[in-house]
Protein backbone atom coordinates (compact mmCIF):
# COMPACT_ATOMS: atom_id res chain seq x y z
CA UNK A 1 111.14 60.08 78.34
CA UNK A 2 114.86 60.81 78.19
CA UNK A 3 115.93 63.59 80.55
CA UNK A 4 119.39 65.22 80.65
CA UNK A 5 120.35 67.33 83.68
CA UNK A 6 123.30 69.74 83.37
CA UNK A 7 125.47 71.27 86.09
CA UNK A 8 127.17 74.21 84.34
CA UNK A 9 130.64 75.55 85.02
CA UNK A 10 130.97 79.17 86.14
CA UNK A 11 134.70 79.67 85.68
CA UNK A 12 136.58 79.67 82.41
CA UNK A 13 138.08 76.39 81.24
CA UNK A 14 141.63 77.75 81.47
CA UNK A 15 141.35 77.55 85.25
CA UNK A 16 140.29 73.89 85.38
CA UNK A 17 143.81 72.85 86.41
CA UNK A 18 143.79 75.13 89.44
CA UNK A 19 140.29 74.05 90.43
CA UNK A 20 141.14 70.39 90.17
CA UNK A 21 144.46 70.62 92.00
CA UNK A 22 143.75 73.11 94.76
CA UNK A 23 140.12 74.09 95.08
CA UNK A 24 138.63 70.75 94.09
CA UNK A 25 135.11 69.85 92.94
CA UNK A 26 132.13 68.28 94.64
CA UNK A 27 129.34 66.17 93.14
CA UNK A 28 126.17 68.04 92.01
CA UNK A 29 123.94 67.06 94.91
CA UNK A 30 120.91 69.01 93.69
CA UNK A 31 120.89 67.19 90.35
CA UNK A 32 121.33 63.74 91.88
CA UNK A 33 118.43 64.49 94.23
CA UNK A 34 116.30 65.68 91.34
CA UNK A 35 117.30 62.68 89.24
CA UNK A 36 116.22 60.25 91.96
CA UNK A 37 112.69 61.68 91.88
CA UNK A 38 112.18 61.71 88.12
CA UNK A 39 113.84 58.33 87.69
CA UNK A 40 111.40 56.93 90.22
CA UNK A 41 108.67 57.98 87.77
CA UNK A 42 110.28 55.79 85.13
CA UNK A 43 112.24 58.31 83.05
CA UNK A 44 115.71 57.66 81.67
CA UNK A 45 117.97 60.20 83.36
CA UNK A 46 121.51 61.38 82.51
CA UNK A 47 123.64 63.89 84.42
CA UNK A 48 126.32 66.02 82.76
CA UNK A 49 128.64 67.87 85.16
CA UNK A 50 130.73 70.36 83.23
CA UNK A 51 132.88 71.04 86.30
CA UNK A 52 134.32 67.55 86.29
CA UNK A 53 134.02 66.62 82.63
CA UNK A 54 135.77 69.78 81.41
CA UNK A 55 133.43 70.00 78.46
CA UNK A 56 133.34 73.11 76.32
CA UNK A 57 129.86 74.33 75.27
CA UNK A 58 130.39 72.92 71.79
CA UNK A 59 131.46 69.54 73.17
CA UNK A 60 128.43 69.32 75.45
CA UNK A 61 126.18 70.33 72.54
CA UNK A 62 127.62 67.52 70.44
CA UNK A 63 126.89 65.08 73.22
CA UNK A 64 123.32 66.37 73.54
CA UNK A 65 122.83 65.88 69.79
CA UNK A 66 123.96 62.26 70.16
CA UNK A 67 121.75 61.65 73.21
CA UNK A 68 118.62 63.20 71.64
CA UNK A 69 116.88 63.96 74.94
CA UNK A 70 113.23 64.98 75.23
CA UNK A 71 113.87 67.46 78.02
CA UNK A 72 117.02 69.25 79.23
CA UNK A 73 117.10 70.62 82.77
CA UNK A 74 119.84 73.10 83.76
CA UNK A 75 120.61 74.37 87.28
CA UNK A 76 121.42 78.09 87.12
CA UNK A 77 123.24 80.26 89.61
CA UNK A 78 124.36 83.79 88.77
CA UNK A 79 128.03 83.11 87.83
CA UNK A 80 127.01 80.39 85.38
CA UNK A 81 124.24 82.24 83.58
CA UNK A 82 126.43 83.68 80.80
CA UNK A 83 127.48 80.18 79.75
CA UNK A 84 123.94 78.82 80.18
CA UNK A 85 122.53 81.56 77.96
CA UNK A 86 124.98 80.62 75.20
CA UNK A 87 124.20 76.92 75.54
CA UNK A 88 120.41 77.44 75.45
CA UNK A 89 120.63 79.46 72.23
CA UNK A 90 122.78 76.74 70.63
CA UNK A 91 120.34 74.03 71.73
CA UNK A 92 117.53 75.99 70.08
CA UNK A 93 119.43 75.87 66.78
CA UNK A 94 120.56 72.25 66.90
CA UNK A 95 117.70 70.61 68.83
CA UNK A 96 114.63 72.80 68.23
CA UNK A 97 112.12 70.22 69.47
CA UNK A 98 113.82 69.67 72.85
CA UNK A 99 112.19 71.27 75.88
CA UNK A 100 114.57 73.37 78.01
CA UNK A 101 113.80 73.89 81.71
CA UNK A 102 115.88 76.10 83.98
CA UNK A 103 115.87 75.97 87.75
CA UNK A 104 117.59 77.17 90.93
CA UNK A 105 117.52 80.61 92.54
CA UNK A 106 118.85 82.72 89.66
CA UNK A 107 116.47 81.23 87.12
CA UNK A 108 113.52 81.74 89.47
CA UNK A 109 114.43 85.37 90.13
CA UNK A 110 114.73 86.24 86.43
CA UNK A 111 112.15 83.81 85.06
CA UNK A 112 110.22 86.55 83.24
CA UNK A 113 113.30 87.70 81.32
CA UNK A 114 114.51 84.18 80.59
CA UNK A 115 111.17 83.21 79.11
CA UNK A 116 110.79 86.46 77.17
CA UNK A 117 114.21 85.87 75.60
CA UNK A 118 113.13 82.34 74.69
CA UNK A 119 116.10 80.80 76.47
CA UNK A 120 113.84 78.21 78.09
CA UNK A 121 110.40 76.72 77.67
CA UNK A 122 109.79 76.68 81.42
CA UNK A 123 111.35 77.79 84.71
CA UNK A 124 110.92 76.05 88.04
CA UNK A 125 110.07 78.42 90.89
CA UNK A 126 111.21 77.15 94.29
CA UNK A 127 112.04 73.53 95.04
CA UNK A 128 112.35 71.48 91.91
CA UNK A 129 111.68 67.85 92.70
CA UNK A 130 107.87 67.74 92.57
CA UNK A 131 107.46 70.59 90.06
CA UNK A 132 109.90 69.19 87.49
CA UNK A 133 108.49 65.68 87.89
CA UNK A 134 104.96 66.96 87.24
CA UNK A 135 106.16 69.04 84.28
CA UNK A 136 107.67 65.94 82.65
CA UNK A 137 104.45 64.00 83.18
CA UNK A 138 102.41 66.88 81.72
CA UNK A 139 104.63 67.07 78.63
CA UNK A 140 104.53 63.30 78.15
CA UNK A 141 100.73 63.16 78.39
CA UNK A 142 100.13 66.54 76.70
CA UNK A 143 98.29 67.88 79.72
CA UNK A 144 97.70 71.53 80.59
CA UNK A 145 100.86 73.04 82.08
CA UNK A 146 98.77 75.53 84.04
CA UNK A 147 98.01 72.75 86.49
CA UNK A 148 101.69 72.37 87.47
CA UNK A 149 102.19 74.43 90.62
CA UNK A 150 105.53 76.22 90.95
CA UNK A 151 106.05 76.52 87.20
CA UNK A 152 106.49 79.52 84.89
CA UNK A 153 106.33 78.86 81.16
CA UNK A 154 105.90 80.37 77.73
CA UNK A 155 102.70 79.59 75.87
CA UNK A 156 101.58 81.15 72.58
CA UNK A 157 103.75 84.19 73.10
CA UNK A 158 102.57 84.82 76.68
CA UNK A 159 104.40 84.25 79.96
CA UNK A 160 102.33 82.23 82.42
CA UNK A 161 103.23 82.03 86.09
CA UNK A 162 101.36 79.32 87.97
CA UNK A 163 100.49 79.41 91.63
CA UNK A 164 103.38 78.71 94.04
CA UNK A 165 104.01 75.17 95.19
CA UNK A 166 104.11 74.52 98.94
CA UNK A 167 107.53 73.49 100.15
CA UNK A 168 108.27 69.83 100.86
CA UNK A 169 107.39 69.56 104.52
CA UNK A 170 108.82 66.09 105.11
CA UNK A 171 112.33 66.01 103.71
CA UNK A 172 112.72 62.40 104.85
CA UNK A 173 110.09 61.44 102.25
CA UNK A 174 112.46 62.24 99.37
CA UNK A 175 114.27 59.29 97.78
CA UNK A 176 118.04 59.18 98.27
CA UNK A 177 120.13 61.02 95.66
CA UNK A 178 120.97 59.00 92.54
CA UNK A 179 124.71 58.88 93.14
CA UNK A 180 125.01 55.92 90.77
CA UNK A 181 124.44 58.31 87.83
CA UNK A 182 127.86 59.90 88.28
CA UNK A 183 131.39 58.53 88.52
CA UNK A 184 132.32 59.17 92.17
CA UNK A 185 135.98 58.41 91.49
CA UNK A 186 136.20 61.71 89.62
CA UNK A 187 135.39 63.64 92.82
CA UNK A 188 138.32 62.50 94.87
CA UNK A 189 140.24 65.67 95.71
CA UNK A 190 139.21 68.73 97.67
CA UNK A 191 142.60 69.99 98.92
CA UNK A 192 141.09 73.24 100.13
CA UNK A 193 138.98 71.26 102.64
CA UNK A 194 141.76 68.79 103.42
CA UNK A 195 139.87 65.91 101.80
CA UNK A 196 141.32 63.15 99.65
CA UNK A 197 139.20 60.30 98.36
CA UNK A 198 135.61 60.32 97.04
CA UNK A 199 133.24 62.79 98.71
CA UNK A 200 129.46 62.71 99.00
CA UNK A 201 127.12 65.47 100.09
CA UNK A 202 124.40 65.13 102.74
CA UNK A 203 121.59 67.58 103.40
CA UNK A 204 119.96 67.58 106.79
CA UNK A 205 117.79 70.68 106.29
CA UNK A 206 116.57 73.30 103.86
CA UNK A 207 116.22 77.01 104.49
CA UNK A 208 117.65 79.13 107.26
CA UNK A 209 116.09 80.77 110.29
CA UNK A 210 118.65 83.58 110.32
CA UNK A 211 118.57 86.70 108.18
CA UNK A 212 122.13 87.62 107.21
CA UNK A 213 121.73 90.31 104.57
CA UNK A 214 124.58 89.04 102.37
CA UNK A 215 123.20 85.46 102.18
CA UNK A 216 120.38 84.02 100.05
CA UNK A 217 119.75 80.89 102.12
CA UNK A 218 116.55 82.35 103.49
CA UNK A 219 115.50 84.19 100.31
CA UNK A 220 112.89 81.62 99.25
CA UNK A 221 112.37 79.62 102.42
CA UNK A 222 112.29 81.66 105.61
CA UNK A 223 111.39 78.68 107.75
CA UNK A 224 114.00 76.00 108.21
CA UNK A 225 112.83 72.42 107.65
CA UNK A 226 114.85 69.67 109.29
CA UNK A 227 115.20 65.99 108.59
CA UNK A 228 115.11 63.58 111.47
CA UNK A 229 118.47 62.70 112.97
CA UNK A 230 117.64 59.02 112.48
CA UNK A 231 116.94 59.63 108.79
CA UNK A 232 120.27 61.44 108.36
CA UNK A 233 122.26 58.66 110.01
CA UNK A 234 120.34 56.02 108.08
CA UNK A 235 121.44 57.73 104.88
CA UNK A 236 125.08 57.91 105.97
CA UNK A 237 125.01 54.22 106.85
CA UNK A 238 123.42 53.32 103.51
CA UNK A 239 125.93 55.39 101.53
CA UNK A 240 128.90 53.86 103.31
CA UNK A 241 127.64 50.32 102.82
CA UNK A 242 126.66 50.93 99.19
CA UNK A 243 129.55 53.04 97.91
CA UNK A 244 132.27 52.57 100.57
CA UNK A 245 132.76 56.33 100.68
CA UNK A 246 134.40 57.69 103.84
CA UNK A 247 134.05 61.45 103.34
CA UNK A 248 130.81 63.43 103.72
CA UNK A 249 130.06 67.15 103.65
CA UNK A 250 126.88 68.64 105.06
CA UNK A 251 125.27 71.19 102.75
CA UNK A 252 123.17 72.83 105.43
CA UNK A 253 123.35 76.51 106.31
CA UNK A 254 124.44 75.10 109.66
CA UNK A 255 124.61 71.61 111.16
CA UNK A 256 123.95 70.45 113.85
CA UNK A 257 120.79 72.48 114.34
CA UNK A 258 121.22 72.84 118.10
CA UNK A 259 123.14 71.42 121.03
CA UNK A 260 120.56 68.71 121.59
CA UNK A 261 120.41 67.61 117.95
CA UNK A 262 124.21 67.64 117.86
CA UNK A 263 124.53 65.23 120.76
CA UNK A 264 121.74 63.06 119.32
CA UNK A 265 123.52 62.85 115.96
CA UNK A 266 126.91 62.03 117.45
CA UNK A 267 125.50 59.44 119.84
CA UNK A 268 123.72 57.68 116.96
CA UNK A 269 126.90 57.58 114.85
CA UNK A 270 128.88 56.11 117.73
CA UNK A 271 126.12 53.65 118.59
CA UNK A 272 126.24 52.21 115.06
CA UNK A 273 130.02 52.27 114.86
CA UNK A 274 129.96 54.70 111.96
CA UNK A 275 132.39 57.05 113.73
CA UNK A 276 135.15 54.53 112.96
CA UNK A 277 134.19 54.28 109.28
CA UNK A 278 133.38 57.78 108.07
CA UNK A 279 134.65 61.36 108.29
CA UNK A 280 132.31 64.30 108.04
CA UNK A 281 132.63 68.05 107.55
CA UNK A 282 130.12 70.72 108.43
CA UNK A 283 129.60 74.45 108.69
CA UNK A 284 128.00 75.89 111.78
CA UNK A 285 127.53 79.05 113.83
CA UNK A 286 129.63 79.73 116.89
CA UNK A 287 126.53 80.13 119.06
CA UNK A 288 125.29 76.62 118.22
CA UNK A 289 128.21 74.64 119.68
CA UNK A 290 130.10 74.50 122.96
CA UNK A 291 133.16 72.68 124.25
CA UNK A 292 131.25 69.52 125.27
CA UNK A 293 129.52 69.20 121.93
CA UNK A 294 132.75 69.80 120.03
CA UNK A 295 134.41 66.99 121.98
CA UNK A 296 131.53 64.68 121.16
CA UNK A 297 131.62 65.69 117.49
CA UNK A 298 135.34 64.89 117.37
CA UNK A 299 134.64 61.46 118.90
CA UNK A 300 131.90 60.91 116.31
CA UNK A 301 134.21 61.39 113.34
CA UNK A 302 134.12 65.13 112.71
CA UNK A 303 137.09 65.88 110.45
CA UNK A 304 136.82 69.59 109.73
CA UNK A 305 134.49 72.34 110.87
CA UNK A 306 133.79 75.61 109.05
CA UNK A 307 132.82 78.78 110.84
CA UNK A 308 131.48 81.91 109.13
CA UNK A 309 133.32 84.46 111.29
CA UNK A 310 132.99 87.07 108.48
CA UNK A 311 134.60 90.05 110.26
CA UNK A 312 136.73 91.30 113.12
CA UNK A 313 134.53 94.37 113.66
CA UNK A 314 131.78 94.34 116.28
CA UNK A 315 130.01 97.12 114.36
CA UNK A 316 129.84 95.07 111.19
CA UNK A 317 128.72 91.98 113.09
CA UNK A 318 125.69 93.91 114.28
CA UNK A 319 125.07 95.40 110.84
CA UNK A 320 124.96 92.03 109.06
CA UNK A 321 122.71 90.36 111.69
CA UNK A 322 125.18 87.68 112.82
CA UNK A 323 123.69 87.60 116.34
CA UNK A 324 127.02 86.82 117.96
CA UNK A 325 130.16 88.50 119.28
CA UNK A 326 133.88 88.41 118.59
CA UNK A 327 134.52 87.04 122.08
CA UNK A 328 132.14 84.15 121.48
CA UNK A 329 133.92 83.38 118.20
CA UNK A 330 137.30 83.41 119.93
CA UNK A 331 136.16 81.09 122.74
CA UNK A 332 134.64 78.55 120.35
CA UNK A 333 137.69 78.59 118.11
CA UNK A 334 139.98 78.19 121.11
CA UNK A 335 137.98 75.08 122.13
CA UNK A 336 138.11 73.80 118.54
CA UNK A 337 141.92 74.05 118.50
CA UNK A 338 142.30 72.53 121.96
CA UNK A 339 140.18 69.51 121.01
CA UNK A 340 142.17 69.00 117.83
CA UNK A 341 139.47 69.59 115.20
CA UNK A 342 140.65 70.88 111.84
CA UNK A 343 139.07 74.23 111.03
CA UNK A 344 138.30 76.56 108.13
CA UNK A 345 137.57 80.19 108.93
CA UNK A 346 135.44 82.14 106.46
CA UNK A 347 135.89 85.91 106.30
CA UNK A 348 134.70 88.73 104.05
CA UNK A 349 136.01 92.16 103.22
CA UNK A 350 134.22 95.10 101.65
CA UNK A 351 131.03 95.44 103.71
CA UNK A 352 129.05 98.63 103.15
CA UNK A 353 130.83 101.46 104.92
CA UNK A 354 133.74 99.25 106.01
CA UNK A 355 136.91 101.25 106.74
CA UNK A 356 140.56 100.45 106.35
CA UNK A 357 140.77 100.12 110.12
CA UNK A 358 138.00 97.53 110.13
CA UNK A 359 139.63 95.56 107.32
CA UNK A 360 142.78 95.49 109.40
CA UNK A 361 140.74 94.37 112.42
CA UNK A 362 139.48 91.40 110.41
CA UNK A 363 143.01 90.41 109.41
CA UNK A 364 144.29 90.68 112.99
CA UNK A 365 141.25 88.82 114.37
CA UNK A 366 141.64 85.98 111.88
CA UNK A 367 145.22 85.48 113.04
CA UNK A 368 144.12 85.52 116.66
CA UNK A 369 141.60 82.78 115.91
CA UNK A 370 144.34 80.75 114.17
CA UNK A 371 142.24 78.45 112.01
CA UNK A 372 144.03 75.79 110.01
CA UNK A 373 142.63 77.19 106.76
CA UNK A 374 141.07 80.55 105.93
CA UNK A 375 139.22 82.20 103.05
CA UNK A 376 138.93 85.95 102.53
CA UNK A 377 136.20 86.68 100.00
CA UNK A 378 135.23 90.11 98.75
CA UNK A 379 131.60 90.88 99.49
CA UNK A 380 129.49 89.96 96.45
CA UNK A 381 125.80 91.01 96.19
CA UNK A 382 124.35 87.76 94.96
CA UNK A 383 120.82 87.99 93.49
CA UNK A 384 118.15 87.21 96.05
CA UNK A 385 120.03 88.68 98.98
CA UNK A 386 119.10 91.77 100.94
CA UNK A 387 122.45 93.22 99.87
CA UNK A 388 121.53 92.92 96.20
CA UNK A 389 118.12 94.48 96.66
CA UNK A 390 119.45 97.39 98.69
CA UNK A 391 122.64 98.30 96.88
CA UNK A 392 122.24 97.37 93.23
CA UNK A 393 120.45 100.26 91.55
CA UNK A 394 120.09 98.40 88.28
CA UNK A 395 118.17 95.31 89.36
CA UNK A 396 118.85 93.70 85.97
CA UNK A 397 122.62 93.87 86.39
CA UNK A 398 122.93 90.20 87.32
CA UNK A 399 120.95 89.18 84.22
CA UNK A 400 122.88 91.47 81.89
CA UNK A 401 126.38 90.88 83.32
CA UNK A 402 126.34 87.59 85.26
CA UNK A 403 130.12 87.23 85.06
CA UNK A 404 130.41 89.91 87.73
CA UNK A 405 128.77 87.73 90.37
CA UNK A 406 131.49 85.42 91.63
CA UNK A 407 133.73 85.61 94.69
CA UNK A 408 136.46 83.86 92.69
CA UNK A 409 137.25 87.04 90.77
CA UNK A 410 141.05 86.52 90.96
CA UNK A 411 140.84 82.93 89.71
CA UNK A 412 138.54 84.07 86.91
CA UNK A 413 141.37 86.29 85.69
CA UNK A 414 140.01 89.58 86.95
CA UNK A 415 142.29 92.51 87.72
CA UNK A 416 139.59 94.58 89.39
CA UNK A 417 136.87 93.81 91.90
CA UNK A 418 133.49 94.53 90.25
CA UNK A 419 131.79 95.72 93.46
CA UNK A 420 132.93 98.14 96.10
CA UNK A 421 130.50 99.33 98.76
CA UNK A 422 133.12 101.10 100.86
CA UNK A 423 134.69 104.54 100.80
CA UNK A 424 138.05 102.94 100.03
CA UNK A 425 139.44 102.78 96.56
CA UNK A 426 139.00 99.44 94.82
CA UNK A 427 142.77 98.99 94.65
CA UNK A 428 142.98 99.47 98.43
CA UNK A 429 140.26 96.89 99.02
CA UNK A 430 142.03 94.38 96.77
CA UNK A 431 145.26 95.12 98.58
CA UNK A 432 143.66 94.22 101.89
CA UNK A 433 142.43 90.91 100.48
CA UNK A 434 145.89 90.01 99.23
CA UNK A 435 147.49 91.22 102.44
CA UNK A 436 145.14 89.01 104.45
CA UNK A 437 145.89 85.93 102.33
CA UNK A 438 149.66 86.37 102.18
CA UNK A 439 150.24 87.50 105.77
CA UNK A 440 148.12 84.65 107.14
CA UNK A 441 149.69 81.75 105.30
CA UNK A 442 153.26 83.00 105.45
CA UNK A 443 153.24 82.80 109.23
CA UNK A 444 155.36 79.94 110.62
CA UNK A 445 152.44 78.80 112.78
CA UNK A 446 150.13 78.49 109.77
CA UNK A 447 152.71 76.57 107.78
CA UNK A 448 153.38 74.26 110.68
CA UNK A 449 149.63 73.52 111.10
CA UNK A 450 149.21 72.68 107.44
CA UNK A 451 152.28 70.43 107.28
CA UNK A 452 151.95 68.73 110.67
CA UNK A 453 148.25 67.94 110.24
CA UNK A 454 148.74 66.98 106.58
CA UNK A 455 145.96 69.31 105.62
CA UNK A 456 147.23 70.08 102.13
CA UNK A 457 149.42 67.67 100.19
CA UNK A 458 152.62 68.85 98.58
CA UNK A 459 151.36 68.47 95.01
CA UNK A 460 148.38 70.67 95.83
CA UNK A 461 150.63 73.33 97.36
CA UNK A 462 152.72 73.29 94.19
CA UNK A 463 149.60 73.67 92.06
CA UNK A 464 148.50 76.68 94.05
CA UNK A 465 151.98 78.24 94.30
CA UNK A 466 151.74 80.29 91.03
CA UNK A 467 148.41 81.76 92.12
CA UNK A 468 149.73 82.67 95.57
CA UNK A 469 152.96 84.05 94.14
CA UNK A 470 151.03 86.23 91.69
CA UNK A 471 148.92 87.61 94.53
CA UNK A 472 152.06 88.29 96.52
CA UNK A 473 153.53 90.29 93.65
CA UNK A 474 150.29 92.20 93.19
CA UNK A 475 150.27 92.95 96.91
CA UNK A 476 153.79 94.37 96.75
CA UNK A 477 152.92 96.43 93.66
CA UNK A 478 149.79 97.81 95.33
CA UNK A 479 151.83 98.87 98.34
CA UNK A 480 154.26 100.75 96.13
CA UNK A 481 151.50 102.40 94.13
CA UNK A 482 149.59 103.41 97.26
CA UNK A 483 152.57 105.52 98.29
CA UNK A 484 152.72 107.37 95.00
CA UNK A 485 149.10 107.82 93.84
CA UNK A 486 146.09 109.57 95.41
CA UNK A 487 143.17 107.44 96.59
CA UNK A 488 140.19 106.98 94.32
CA UNK A 489 136.92 105.17 94.76
CA UNK A 490 136.34 103.00 91.69
CA UNK A 491 133.06 101.56 92.94
CA UNK A 492 130.67 100.17 90.37
CA UNK A 493 127.72 100.42 92.71
CA UNK A 494 128.44 102.09 96.00
């Protein structure tokens, strides 16, 4: 059978230039992993990545008409659902005999509504590799779909939800992602992560053992499953030898998993000489590394490390279940700087009940940490998180208005933040985000770090300049308005 897998875009096409030149794009790991499994079963498989191909819905539809697939699989997260809904309806009109299957966390959460609205013939619940593969086999042989565990589907006007499928216990048993199905040369710039040249993704685990209420990593899989360190290094070695790619990003909620696994991983890279051939990036928690491990990671080719610091308020740290302290974050970041590892600090503003003083604490703390790069996102209640369940009164909001669920609200052309869980006015909250961004990067120290370490190339800075300048102007305007207008809370769901 001919299978087409689609990775949909979640930001309007007018922003493709900014994404390409400053934010960058990464290959669709989940689809290449899925493709490797179904291709192993003998099916012709094609991947369409709208992010990199800059295809409009009509252009992709024309391509689908030419390809004449038997089954179309689409990965759906909340910000992309509006576009996916439009595409599915168009496919129904132009290719009525094609089976449409949706997967990923958003599709699983709203499977009942998706199937009732006839947007898809089936929805994969949970991990997709085995379920989707069995679905294809069942369609090809006209077998009973009720035997496919982990599948919801529409049959004779009824919605059928099969029994759950057990998670894949041995992640090392999965075939390697089918990277040959995409053009890796088109994924050669991620200025925001200081990467230039083709990039591949590596996944050492699935799930998360922590329970941060703003994150959906543990929504479906509470127990973390880990690959063997040998299996991970074997994959890195294979990918380098096969594709000659130097840059790798770990997709894990955190990697390494512990101090011991960190040393084991680094020692294995050095033993095989891979530390001289590849560069790798990872996100981790400040309580899972120490100075000795960071030194070893640097020796083993670590290029950039990402820390989810989130906030400069001890109260909020406790509220969101981070299980760490500000002092621990400062000590780890101090060691990171001393050792010479590039860093990206991740922060959020707008936690429930957060005050202006706490927003200011986050800005001050981020400067004290002095990461090479920072991001300040506004808190977004993504479907599947504890935050969404607790604070969104209309549980269907994500299904009805998916465009609200993106942290890239400014890039998407928004003038207002859609969610505000604080007692501050929305304009004040936006002002703090702009203040954080502008005041951080306009510091001489931050500029020196970026230029001296060659973190962001000049052409990328120029591409981002209009966006930064616009935010600077909006920040100045908000300051002027705040002095002349009374405060209001414009919260959508507070």
